[in-house]
């Protein structure tokens, strides 16, 4: 495993832990009525999918930088469609818990997307 992937793993783990601690504090003190048992699974889901996609993108960037852009766009589209399918699937299965789930899902999505874009931008600048 190269150093760029190790760095990303550490940063994404720190982000997941930050979300976990923030959620733990928020759901035990301020809004315990909105806690869902599935929320830790959302963190694991985003951690795994983001790291898998990032590893794929690093591999493409290392081999074929001219084709990187098309692979980056395609993987981003597929990942977004997958996330949308998961969110819709949960909304269909559990209609009474949709609002808190989607708010948490969106917050974690934004956090992991910002991290991934920042790290990929850094890699692209290094490769130029």
Protein backbone atom coordinates (compact mmCIF):
# COMPACT_ATOMS: atom_id res chain seq x y z
CA UNK A 1 0.00 0.00 0.00
CA UNK A 2 1.46 3.32 -1.00
CA UNK A 3 1.81 6.33 1.26
CA UNK A 4 -0.99 8.26 -0.47
CA UNK A 5 -3.48 5.53 0.32
CA UNK A 6 -2.23 5.18 3.89
CA UNK A 7 -2.64 8.93 4.33
CA UNK A 8 -6.17 8.77 2.97
CA UNK A 9 -7.08 5.81 5.19
CA UNK A 10 -5.91 7.68 8.27
CA UNK A 11 -7.76 10.85 7.30
CA UNK A 12 -10.97 9.03 6.44
CA UNK A 13 -10.78 7.09 9.70
CA UNK A 14 -10.34 10.35 11.62
CA UNK A 15 -13.33 11.81 9.78
CA UNK A 16 -15.46 8.75 10.55
CA UNK A 17 -14.47 8.92 14.21
CA UNK A 18 -15.26 12.65 14.31
CA UNK A 19 -18.73 11.97 12.87
CA UNK A 20 -19.20 9.13 15.36
CA UNK A 21 -18.24 11.24 18.38
CA UNK A 22 -20.33 14.20 17.16
CA UNK A 23 -23.30 11.89 16.64
CA UNK A 24 -22.79 10.24 20.01
CA UNK A 25 -22.79 13.60 21.77
CA UNK A 26 -25.69 14.97 19.71
CA UNK A 27 -27.89 11.90 20.03
CA UNK A 28 -27.30 11.34 23.74
CA UNK A 29 -27.78 14.93 24.86
CA UNK A 30 -29.58 17.22 22.41
CA UNK A 31 -31.81 15.08 20.17
CA UNK A 32 -32.04 11.53 21.53
CA UNK A 33 -35.50 11.08 19.96
CA UNK A 34 -33.95 11.08 16.46
CA UNK A 35 -31.31 8.42 17.03
CA UNK A 36 -31.39 5.51 14.58
CA UNK A 37 -29.63 2.19 15.12
CA UNK A 38 -28.48 2.21 11.50
CA UNK A 39 -26.42 5.41 11.79
CA UNK A 40 -23.12 3.69 12.74
CA UNK A 41 -23.63 1.46 9.70
CA UNK A 42 -23.91 4.60 7.54
CA UNK A 43 -20.45 5.66 8.72
CA UNK A 44 -19.00 2.24 7.94
CA UNK A 45 -20.72 2.26 4.53
CA UNK A 46 -19.24 5.63 3.56
CA UNK A 47 -15.83 4.77 4.97
CA UNK A 48 -15.63 1.56 2.93
CA UNK A 49 -17.03 2.88 -0.34
CA UNK A 50 -14.96 6.07 -0.25
CA UNK A 51 -11.76 4.16 0.46
CA UNK A 52 -12.43 1.59 -2.27
CA UNK A 53 -13.12 4.27 -4.87
CA UNK A 54 -10.10 6.28 -3.74
CA UNK A 55 -7.83 3.24 -4.04
CA UNK A 56 -9.14 2.66 -7.57
CA UNK A 57 -8.54 6.31 -8.51
CA UNK A 58 -5.02 6.26 -7.11
CA UNK A 59 -4.26 3.16 -9.14
CA UNK A 60 -5.54 4.83 -12.33
CA UNK A 61 -3.65 8.04 -11.59
CA UNK A 62 -0.44 6.07 -11.12
CA UNK A 63 -0.78 4.19 -14.41
CA UNK A 64 -2.50 6.41 -16.96
CA UNK A 65 -2.90 10.08 -16.06
CA UNK A 66 -4.44 11.09 -19.43
CA UNK A 67 -7.35 8.66 -18.85
CA UNK A 68 -7.70 9.65 -15.21
CA UNK A 69 -10.31 12.35 -15.82
CA UNK A 70 -12.76 10.04 -17.58
CA UNK A 71 -12.32 7.37 -14.89
CA UNK A 72 -12.76 9.98 -12.15
CA UNK A 73 -15.99 11.27 -13.69
CA UNK A 74 -17.37 7.77 -14.30
CA UNK A 75 -16.55 6.56 -10.80
CA UNK A 76 -18.09 9.70 -9.30
CA UNK A 77 -21.28 9.18 -11.28
CA UNK A 78 -21.53 5.48 -10.39
CA UNK A 79 -20.81 6.19 -6.73
CA UNK A 80 -23.46 8.90 -6.61
CA UNK A 81 -26.05 6.63 -8.24
CA UNK A 82 -25.18 3.87 -5.76
CA UNK A 83 -25.57 6.27 -2.84
CA UNK A 84 -28.89 7.46 -4.25
CA UNK A 85 -30.12 3.87 -4.61
CA UNK A 86 -29.17 3.12 -0.99
CA UNK A 87 -30.93 6.25 0.27
CA UNK A 88 -34.07 5.51 -1.75
CA UNK A 89 -34.00 1.89 -0.63
CA UNK A 90 -33.90 2.91 3.02
CA UNK A 91 -36.68 5.47 2.44
CA UNK A 92 -38.89 2.78 0.95
CA UNK A 93 -38.18 0.25 3.70
CA UNK A 94 -38.42 2.59 6.67
CA UNK A 95 -40.71 5.50 5.90
CA UNK A 96 -41.10 6.64 9.51
CA UNK A 97 -37.36 7.30 9.93
CA UNK A 98 -36.62 8.93 6.58
CA UNK A 99 -35.89 12.49 7.74
CA UNK A 100 -33.21 11.73 10.35
CA UNK A 101 -31.65 9.11 8.08
CA UNK A 102 -31.42 11.43 5.09
CA UNK A 103 -30.05 14.31 7.15
CA UNK A 104 -27.31 12.07 8.55
CA UNK A 105 -26.70 10.43 5.18
CA UNK A 106 -26.28 13.82 3.51
CA UNK A 107 -23.98 15.16 6.23
CA UNK A 108 -21.69 12.13 6.05
CA UNK A 109 -21.79 12.20 2.24
CA UNK A 110 -20.70 15.84 2.16
CA UNK A 111 -17.91 15.23 4.67
CA UNK A 112 -16.46 12.23 2.85
CA UNK A 113 -16.86 13.91 -0.56
CA UNK A 114 -14.94 16.98 0.59
CA UNK A 115 -12.16 14.76 1.92
CA UNK A 116 -11.98 12.71 -1.27
CA UNK A 117 -11.96 15.72 -3.61
CA UNK A 118 -9.27 17.44 -1.55
CA UNK A 119 -7.05 14.35 -1.57
CA UNK A 120 -7.56 13.61 -5.28
CA UNK A 121 -6.81 17.25 -6.11
CA UNK A 122 -3.58 16.94 -4.17
CA UNK A 123 -2.64 13.76 -6.08
CA UNK A 124 -3.40 15.34 -9.46
CA UNK A 125 -1.24 18.38 -8.62
CA UNK A 126 1.62 16.07 -7.64
CA UNK A 127 1.37 14.11 -10.89
CA UNK A 128 1.58 17.18 -13.15
